[in-house]
Amino acid sequence: EQVLREAIRTLSLEALPYAYAQLGHLHKDGGHYDEAEKWYRKAIELDPESAGKYVFLGALLAQKGELRAAEECHRKGTHCSKGCVDEAYLNLGLVLRAQERYDEALACFSKALELDPHYKKAITGKADMERAITLLQANA
């Protein structure tokens, strides 16, 4: 942490979001979720068009059990102009699945696959949702 904080003093404005995200990872890994959230939010403030920062924050919020906040965060990531937008869709799908919103989750996994047809986690998520929806319809 000390090395990252020292580096932050000398980094360009363009590099700061990356360093802030790394501080977020460090605190998340240490179980300090509120501190991690603070750093992820700072990274987003400086680089609001990069989907990855929303993915990091959304994953943290989901881990904290704040599914609605995680959903909102991942949705913002899906509207970004750069970065891993496919991963934002994947994570949004996972959060929607956790809320038992299977049709919406399926749509997100499908969108992730439109962006990256070889995305294995999205392939699995889509197949799981298709099976779940089929089972639910059969038991209705």
N, C-alpha and C. Protein backbone atom coordinates (compact mmCIF):
# COMPACT_ATOMS: atom_id res chain seq x y z
N GLU A 1 0.83 -1.19 0.00
CA GLU A 1 0.00 0.00 0.00
C GLU A 1 0.87 1.26 0.00
N GLN A 2 1.92 1.21 0.79
CA GLN A 2 2.81 2.38 0.88
C GLN A 2 3.44 2.68 -0.48
N VAL A 3 3.85 1.65 -1.20
CA VAL A 3 4.46 1.85 -2.52
C VAL A 3 3.45 2.48 -3.48
N LEU A 4 2.21 1.97 -3.45
CA LEU A 4 1.19 2.55 -4.32
C LEU A 4 0.90 4.00 -3.98
N ARG A 5 0.82 4.30 -2.70
CA ARG A 5 0.54 5.68 -2.30
C ARG A 5 1.69 6.62 -2.70
N GLU A 6 2.91 6.13 -2.61
CA GLU A 6 4.06 6.95 -3.04
C GLU A 6 4.02 7.15 -4.56
N ALA A 7 3.68 6.10 -5.28
CA ALA A 7 3.61 6.20 -6.73
C ALA A 7 2.54 7.18 -7.17
N ILE A 8 1.43 7.21 -6.45
CA ILE A 8 0.32 8.10 -6.80
C ILE A 8 0.77 9.55 -6.82
N ARG A 9 1.69 9.90 -5.96
CA ARG A 9 2.19 11.29 -5.90
C ARG A 9 2.91 11.71 -7.17
N THR A 10 3.42 10.74 -7.91
CA THR A 10 4.22 11.07 -9.09
C THR A 10 3.56 10.71 -10.41
N LEU A 11 2.42 10.02 -10.35
CA LEU A 11 1.77 9.55 -11.58
C LEU A 11 1.05 10.68 -12.31
N SER A 12 0.95 10.51 -13.60
CA SER A 12 0.16 11.45 -14.40
C SER A 12 -1.32 11.22 -14.12
N LEU A 13 -2.12 12.18 -14.46
CA LEU A 13 -3.57 12.08 -14.27
C LEU A 13 -4.13 10.88 -15.02
N GLU A 14 -3.56 10.57 -16.17
CA GLU A 14 -4.02 9.42 -16.95
C GLU A 14 -3.75 8.09 -16.26
N ALA A 15 -2.69 8.02 -15.48
CA ALA A 15 -2.33 6.77 -14.80
C ALA A 15 -2.99 6.61 -13.44
N LEU A 16 -3.51 7.68 -12.88
CA LEU A 16 -4.11 7.61 -11.54
C LEU A 16 -5.26 6.63 -11.41
N PRO A 17 -6.18 6.54 -12.38
CA PRO A 17 -7.27 5.59 -12.21
C PRO A 17 -6.78 4.15 -12.02
N TYR A 18 -5.73 3.80 -12.74
CA TYR A 18 -5.16 2.45 -12.59
C TYR A 18 -4.62 2.26 -11.17
N ALA A 19 -3.89 3.23 -10.67
CA ALA A 19 -3.32 3.13 -9.33
C ALA A 19 -4.43 3.08 -8.27
N TYR A 20 -5.47 3.89 -8.46
CA TYR A 20 -6.59 3.87 -7.52
C TYR A 20 -7.28 2.50 -7.53
N ALA A 21 -7.46 1.93 -8.71
CA ALA A 21 -8.06 0.60 -8.79
C ALA A 21 -7.19 -0.44 -8.10
N GLN A 22 -5.88 -0.30 -8.23
CA GLN A 22 -4.98 -1.24 -7.55
C GLN A 22 -5.09 -1.12 -6.03
N LEU A 23 -5.25 0.10 -5.54
CA LEU A 23 -5.49 0.28 -4.10
C LEU A 23 -6.81 -0.36 -3.71
N GLY A 24 -7.80 -0.24 -4.57
CA GLY A 24 -9.08 -0.90 -4.32
C GLY A 24 -8.91 -2.41 -4.22
N HIS A 25 -8.15 -2.99 -5.14
CA HIS A 25 -7.90 -4.44 -5.11
C HIS A 25 -7.21 -4.84 -3.81
N LEU A 26 -6.22 -4.06 -3.44
CA LEU A 26 -5.45 -4.35 -2.23
C LEU A 26 -6.36 -4.38 -1.00
N HIS A 27 -7.22 -3.38 -0.89
CA HIS A 27 -8.12 -3.32 0.27
C HIS A 27 -9.20 -4.40 0.19
N LYS A 28 -9.68 -4.69 -1.00
CA LYS A 28 -10.68 -5.76 -1.16
C LYS A 28 -10.08 -7.09 -0.72
N ASP A 29 -8.87 -7.37 -1.20
CA ASP A 29 -8.20 -8.62 -0.84
C ASP A 29 -7.96 -8.73 0.66
N GLY A 30 -7.80 -7.58 1.31
CA GLY A 30 -7.59 -7.56 2.75
C GLY A 30 -8.89 -7.56 3.55
N GLY A 31 -10.03 -7.59 2.84
CA GLY A 31 -11.31 -7.62 3.51
C GLY A 31 -11.81 -6.25 3.97
N HIS A 32 -11.17 -5.20 3.52
CA HIS A 32 -11.56 -3.83 3.89
C HIS A 32 -12.44 -3.25 2.77
N TYR A 33 -13.68 -3.72 2.72
CA TYR A 33 -14.55 -3.42 1.59
C TYR A 33 -14.92 -1.95 1.47
N ASP A 34 -15.14 -1.28 2.58
CA ASP A 34 -15.50 0.14 2.50
C ASP A 34 -14.34 0.96 1.93
N GLU A 35 -13.14 0.62 2.34
CA GLU A 35 -11.97 1.33 1.81
C GLU A 35 -11.77 0.99 0.33
N ALA A 36 -11.97 -0.26 -0.03
CA ALA A 36 -11.86 -0.66 -1.44
C ALA A 36 -12.88 0.09 -2.28
N GLU A 37 -14.10 0.19 -1.77
CA GLU A 37 -15.15 0.90 -2.50
C GLU A 37 -14.75 2.35 -2.75
N LYS A 38 -14.16 2.97 -1.75
CA LYS A 38 -13.74 4.37 -1.88
C LYS A 38 -12.75 4.52 -3.03
N TRP A 39 -11.78 3.61 -3.13
CA TRP A 39 -10.76 3.72 -4.18
C TRP A 39 -11.32 3.40 -5.55
N TYR A 40 -12.21 2.42 -5.63
CA TYR A 40 -12.84 2.13 -6.92
C TYR A 40 -13.66 3.33 -7.41
N ARG A 41 -14.36 3.97 -6.48
CA ARG A 41 -15.15 5.15 -6.87
C ARG A 41 -14.25 6.29 -7.35
N LYS A 42 -13.10 6.45 -6.71
CA LYS A 42 -12.16 7.49 -7.16
C LYS A 42 -11.65 7.17 -8.56
N ALA A 43 -11.39 5.90 -8.82
CA ALA A 43 -10.92 5.50 -10.16
C ALA A 43 -12.00 5.80 -11.20
N ILE A 44 -13.26 5.54 -10.86
CA ILE A 44 -14.37 5.82 -11.78
C ILE A 44 -14.49 7.31 -12.03
N GLU A 45 -14.34 8.11 -11.01
CA GLU A 45 -14.43 9.57 -11.17
C GLU A 45 -13.43 10.08 -12.20
N LEU A 46 -12.24 9.51 -12.18
CA LEU A 46 -11.19 9.97 -13.09
C LEU A 46 -11.27 9.34 -14.48
N ASP A 47 -11.95 8.20 -14.58
CA ASP A 47 -12.02 7.50 -15.87
C ASP A 47 -13.42 6.90 -16.05
N PRO A 48 -14.44 7.75 -16.16
CA PRO A 48 -15.81 7.26 -16.17
C PRO A 48 -16.23 6.51 -17.44
N GLU A 49 -15.41 6.52 -18.47
CA GLU A 49 -15.75 5.81 -19.70
C GLU A 49 -15.09 4.45 -19.83
N SER A 50 -14.40 4.00 -18.76
CA SER A 50 -13.74 2.70 -18.78
C SER A 50 -14.57 1.69 -18.00
N ALA A 51 -15.06 0.68 -18.69
CA ALA A 51 -15.96 -0.31 -18.10
C ALA A 51 -15.32 -1.08 -16.94
N GLY A 52 -14.03 -1.30 -17.00
CA GLY A 52 -13.37 -2.12 -15.99
C GLY A 52 -13.53 -1.60 -14.57
N LYS A 53 -13.51 -0.30 -14.41
CA LYS A 53 -13.65 0.27 -13.07
C LYS A 53 -15.03 -0.03 -12.50
N TYR A 54 -16.06 0.00 -13.35
CA TYR A 54 -17.42 -0.34 -12.92
C TYR A 54 -17.52 -1.83 -12.59
N VAL A 55 -16.82 -2.64 -13.36
CA VAL A 55 -16.82 -4.09 -13.09
C VAL A 55 -16.21 -4.35 -11.71
N PHE A 56 -15.10 -3.68 -11.41
CA PHE A 56 -14.47 -3.88 -10.09
C PHE A 56 -15.41 -3.47 -8.96
N LEU A 57 -15.99 -2.29 -9.08
CA LEU A 57 -16.89 -1.80 -8.03
C LEU A 57 -18.14 -2.66 -7.95
N GLY A 58 -18.72 -3.00 -9.08
CA GLY A 58 -19.92 -3.83 -9.07
C GLY A 58 -19.68 -5.19 -8.44
N ALA A 59 -18.54 -5.79 -8.73
CA ALA A 59 -18.21 -7.09 -8.13
C ALA A 59 -18.07 -6.97 -6.61
N LEU A 60 -17.45 -5.90 -6.17
CA LEU A 60 -17.31 -5.66 -4.74
C LEU A 60 -18.68 -5.50 -4.09
N LEU A 61 -19.54 -4.70 -4.70
CA LEU A 61 -20.88 -4.48 -4.14
C LEU A 61 -21.66 -5.78 -4.09
N ALA A 62 -21.54 -6.60 -5.12
CA ALA A 62 -22.22 -7.90 -5.13
C ALA A 62 -21.68 -8.78 -4.00
N GLN A 63 -20.37 -8.75 -3.81
CA GLN A 63 -19.76 -9.54 -2.74
C GLN A 63 -20.26 -9.09 -1.37
N LYS A 64 -20.54 -7.80 -1.26
CA LYS A 64 -21.08 -7.26 -0.01
C LYS A 64 -22.57 -7.56 0.15
N GLY A 65 -23.18 -8.13 -0.87
CA GLY A 65 -24.60 -8.45 -0.81
C GLY A 65 -25.49 -7.31 -1.25
N GLU A 66 -24.92 -6.27 -1.81
CA GLU A 66 -25.67 -5.11 -2.28
C GLU A 66 -25.99 -5.28 -3.77
N LEU A 67 -26.92 -6.20 -4.04
CA LEU A 67 -27.18 -6.61 -5.42
C LEU A 67 -27.77 -5.49 -6.28
N ARG A 68 -28.66 -4.69 -5.73
CA ARG A 68 -29.24 -3.60 -6.52
C ARG A 68 -28.18 -2.57 -6.88
N ALA A 69 -27.32 -2.24 -5.93
CA ALA A 69 -26.23 -1.29 -6.21
C ALA A 69 -25.25 -1.89 -7.21
N ALA A 70 -24.98 -3.19 -7.09
CA ALA A 70 -24.09 -3.86 -8.05
C ALA A 70 -24.71 -3.84 -9.44
N GLU A 71 -26.00 -4.09 -9.51
CA GLU A 71 -26.69 -4.04 -10.80
C GLU A 71 -26.55 -2.67 -11.44
N GLU A 72 -26.80 -1.64 -10.68
CA GLU A 72 -26.70 -0.27 -11.20
C GLU A 72 -25.29 0.02 -11.70
N CYS A 73 -24.31 -0.42 -10.95
CA CYS A 73 -22.92 -0.17 -11.31
C CYS A 73 -22.55 -0.90 -12.61
N HIS A 74 -22.91 -2.17 -12.70
CA HIS A 74 -22.60 -2.92 -13.92
C HIS A 74 -23.34 -2.35 -15.12
N ARG A 75 -24.58 -1.88 -14.92
CA ARG A 75 -25.32 -1.25 -16.03
C ARG A 75 -24.55 -0.04 -16.57
N LYS A 76 -23.98 0.74 -15.66
CA LYS A 76 -23.18 1.89 -16.11
C LYS A 76 -21.99 1.40 -16.93
N GLY A 77 -21.39 0.31 -16.53
CA GLY A 77 -20.27 -0.26 -17.27
C GLY A 77 -20.64 -0.69 -18.68
N THR A 78 -21.90 -1.11 -18.85
CA THR A 78 -22.33 -1.55 -20.19
C THR A 78 -22.48 -0.38 -21.16
N HIS A 79 -22.51 0.84 -20.63
CA HIS A 79 -22.66 2.02 -21.48
C HIS A 79 -21.32 2.74 -21.75
N CYS A 80 -20.24 2.16 -21.30
CA CYS A 80 -18.93 2.79 -21.46
C CYS A 80 -18.45 2.69 -22.91
N SER A 81 -17.56 3.61 -23.24
CA SER A 81 -17.03 3.65 -24.60
C SER A 81 -15.71 2.90 -24.75
N LYS A 82 -15.14 2.45 -23.63
CA LYS A 82 -13.88 1.70 -23.73
C LYS A 82 -13.81 0.67 -22.60
N GLY A 83 -12.88 -0.23 -22.77
CA GLY A 83 -12.67 -1.24 -21.75
C GLY A 83 -13.52 -2.49 -21.98
N CYS A 84 -13.64 -3.27 -20.94
CA CYS A 84 -14.26 -4.59 -21.01
C CYS A 84 -15.78 -4.53 -20.84
N VAL A 85 -16.43 -3.96 -21.83
CA VAL A 85 -17.89 -3.84 -21.80
C VAL A 85 -18.53 -5.23 -21.77
N ASP A 86 -17.91 -6.20 -22.44
CA ASP A 86 -18.43 -7.56 -22.42
C ASP A 86 -18.45 -8.12 -20.99
N GLU A 87 -17.45 -7.79 -20.22
CA GLU A 87 -17.40 -8.26 -18.83
C GLU A 87 -18.45 -7.55 -17.96
N ALA A 88 -18.73 -6.30 -18.28
CA ALA A 88 -19.80 -5.59 -17.57
C ALA A 88 -21.13 -6.29 -17.83
N TYR A 89 -21.37 -6.69 -19.07
CA TYR A 89 -22.60 -7.44 -19.37
C TYR A 89 -22.62 -8.78 -18.66
N LEU A 90 -21.48 -9.48 -18.65
CA LEU A 90 -21.42 -10.76 -17.95
C LEU A 90 -21.77 -10.58 -16.48
N ASN A 91 -21.11 -9.63 -15.82
CA ASN A 91 -21.34 -9.43 -14.40
C ASN A 91 -22.76 -8.94 -14.11
N LEU A 92 -23.31 -8.13 -15.00
CA LEU A 92 -24.70 -7.72 -14.85
C LEU A 92 -25.59 -8.96 -14.91
N GLY A 93 -25.30 -9.84 -15.84
CA GLY A 93 -26.06 -11.09 -15.94
C GLY A 93 -25.97 -11.92 -14.67
N LEU A 94 -24.78 -11.98 -14.08
CA LEU A 94 -24.61 -12.74 -12.84
C LEU A 94 -25.43 -12.14 -11.70
N VAL A 95 -25.43 -10.82 -11.62
CA VAL A 95 -26.20 -10.15 -10.56
C VAL A 95 -27.69 -10.34 -10.77
N LEU A 96 -28.14 -10.25 -12.01
CA LEU A 96 -29.55 -10.48 -12.31
C LEU A 96 -29.94 -11.93 -12.02
N ARG A 97 -29.06 -12.85 -12.33
CA ARG A 97 -29.31 -14.26 -12.03
C ARG A 97 -29.46 -14.45 -10.52
N ALA A 98 -28.62 -13.80 -9.74
CA ALA A 98 -28.70 -13.91 -8.28
C ALA A 98 -30.02 -13.35 -7.76
N GLN A 99 -30.63 -12.44 -8.52
CA GLN A 99 -31.92 -11.87 -8.14
C GLN A 99 -33.09 -12.66 -8.76
N GLU A 100 -32.76 -13.79 -9.39
CA GLU A 100 -33.74 -14.66 -10.04
C GLU A 100 -34.48 -13.97 -11.18
N ARG A 101 -33.80 -13.09 -11.86
CA ARG A 101 -34.33 -12.39 -13.03
C ARG A 101 -33.70 -13.02 -14.27
N TYR A 102 -34.12 -14.24 -14.53
CA TYR A 102 -33.43 -15.11 -15.48
C TYR A 102 -33.51 -14.63 -16.93
N ASP A 103 -34.66 -14.12 -17.36
CA ASP A 103 -34.75 -13.64 -18.74
C ASP A 103 -33.80 -12.47 -18.98
N GLU A 104 -33.72 -11.56 -18.02
CA GLU A 104 -32.81 -10.42 -18.14
C GLU A 104 -31.35 -10.88 -18.11
N ALA A 105 -31.08 -11.86 -17.26
CA ALA A 105 -29.71 -12.41 -17.18
C ALA A 105 -29.32 -13.04 -18.51
N LEU A 106 -30.24 -13.79 -19.09
CA LEU A 106 -29.99 -14.42 -20.39
C LEU A 106 -29.67 -13.37 -21.45
N ALA A 107 -30.41 -12.28 -21.45
CA ALA A 107 -30.16 -11.20 -22.42
C ALA A 107 -28.76 -10.61 -22.22
N CYS A 108 -28.32 -10.48 -20.98
CA CYS A 108 -26.98 -9.93 -20.72
C CYS A 108 -25.89 -10.88 -21.18
N PHE A 109 -26.05 -12.18 -20.89
CA PHE A 109 -25.06 -13.15 -21.35
C PHE A 109 -25.00 -13.17 -22.88
N SER A 110 -26.16 -13.05 -23.50
CA SER A 110 -26.21 -13.02 -24.97
C SER A 110 -25.49 -11.79 -25.51
N LYS A 111 -25.68 -10.66 -24.87
CA LYS A 111 -25.01 -9.42 -25.31
C LYS A 111 -23.49 -9.55 -25.13
N ALA A 112 -23.07 -10.14 -24.03
CA ALA A 112 -21.63 -10.36 -23.82
C ALA A 112 -21.06 -11.22 -24.95
N LEU A 113 -21.84 -12.20 -25.39
CA LEU A 113 -21.39 -13.06 -26.49
C LEU A 113 -21.40 -12.35 -27.84
N GLU A 114 -22.28 -11.38 -28.01
CA GLU A 114 -22.24 -10.57 -29.24
C GLU A 114 -20.93 -9.81 -29.32
N LEU A 115 -20.47 -9.33 -28.16
CA LEU A 115 -19.24 -8.56 -28.11
C LEU A 115 -18.00 -9.45 -28.20
N ASP A 116 -18.08 -10.64 -27.62
CA ASP A 116 -16.97 -11.60 -27.67
C ASP A 116 -17.56 -13.01 -27.79
N PRO A 117 -17.68 -13.52 -29.01
CA PRO A 117 -18.31 -14.82 -29.23
C PRO A 117 -17.60 -16.00 -28.56
N HIS A 118 -16.38 -15.80 -28.10
CA HIS A 118 -15.62 -16.89 -27.49
C HIS A 118 -15.51 -16.76 -25.97
N TYR A 119 -16.29 -15.89 -25.37
CA TYR A 119 -16.24 -15.61 -23.93
C TYR A 119 -16.83 -16.81 -23.18
N LYS A 120 -15.96 -17.65 -22.63
CA LYS A 120 -16.39 -18.92 -22.04
C LYS A 120 -17.37 -18.74 -20.89
N LYS A 121 -17.14 -17.76 -20.03
CA LYS A 121 -18.06 -17.56 -18.91
C LYS A 121 -19.44 -17.12 -19.40
N ALA A 122 -19.49 -16.35 -20.45
CA ALA A 122 -20.78 -15.94 -21.01
C ALA A 122 -21.47 -17.11 -21.70
N ILE A 123 -20.69 -17.96 -22.35
CA ILE A 123 -21.26 -19.17 -22.97
C ILE A 123 -21.91 -20.03 -21.90
N THR A 124 -21.20 -20.23 -20.80
CA THR A 124 -21.72 -21.04 -19.70
C THR A 124 -22.95 -20.37 -19.07
N GLY A 125 -22.86 -19.06 -18.83
CA GLY A 125 -23.99 -18.34 -18.24
C GLY A 125 -25.23 -18.42 -19.10
N LYS A 126 -25.06 -18.25 -20.39
CA LYS A 126 -26.20 -18.32 -21.31
C LYS A 126 -26.81 -19.71 -21.31
N ALA A 127 -25.98 -20.73 -21.39
CA ALA A 127 -26.49 -22.11 -21.39
C ALA A 127 -27.21 -22.42 -20.07
N ASP A 128 -26.65 -21.98 -18.96
CA ASP A 128 -27.29 -22.19 -17.65
C ASP A 128 -28.65 -21.52 -17.60
N MET A 129 -28.75 -20.30 -18.10
CA MET A 129 -30.02 -19.58 -18.06
C MET A 129 -31.04 -20.23 -18.98
N GLU A 130 -30.61 -20.69 -20.13
CA GLU A 130 -31.53 -21.37 -21.04
C GLU A 130 -32.09 -22.63 -20.39
N ARG A 131 -31.22 -23.40 -19.70
CA ARG A 131 -31.68 -24.60 -19.00
C ARG A 131 -32.62 -24.25 -17.85
N ALA A 132 -32.26 -23.23 -17.08
CA ALA A 132 -33.09 -22.83 -15.93
C ALA A 132 -34.46 -22.38 -16.40
N ILE A 133 -34.50 -21.56 -17.44
CA ILE A 133 -35.78 -21.06 -17.95
C ILE A 133 -36.63 -22.22 -18.47
N THR A 134 -36.02 -23.16 -19.17
CA THR A 134 -36.74 -24.33 -19.68
C THR A 134 -37.32 -25.14 -18.53
N LEU A 135 -36.53 -25.36 -17.49
CA LEU A 135 -37.01 -26.12 -16.32
C LEU A 135 -38.14 -25.40 -15.61
N LEU A 136 -38.00 -24.09 -15.45
CA LEU A 136 -39.05 -23.32 -14.78
C LEU A 136 -40.36 -23.35 -15.58
N GLN A 137 -40.24 -23.27 -16.90
CA GLN A 137 -41.45 -23.32 -17.74
C GLN A 137 -42.09 -24.70 -17.70
N ALA A 138 -41.26 -25.74 -17.63
CA ALA A 138 -41.79 -27.09 -17.57
C ALA A 138 -42.50 -27.38 -16.25
N ASN A 139 -42.05 -26.71 -15.21
CA ASN A 139 -42.64 -26.93 -13.87
C ASN A 139 -43.74 -25.94 -13.54
N ALA A 140 -44.05 -25.05 -14.47
CA ALA A 140 -45.07 -24.01 -14.19
C ALA A 140 -46.47 -24.56 -14.35
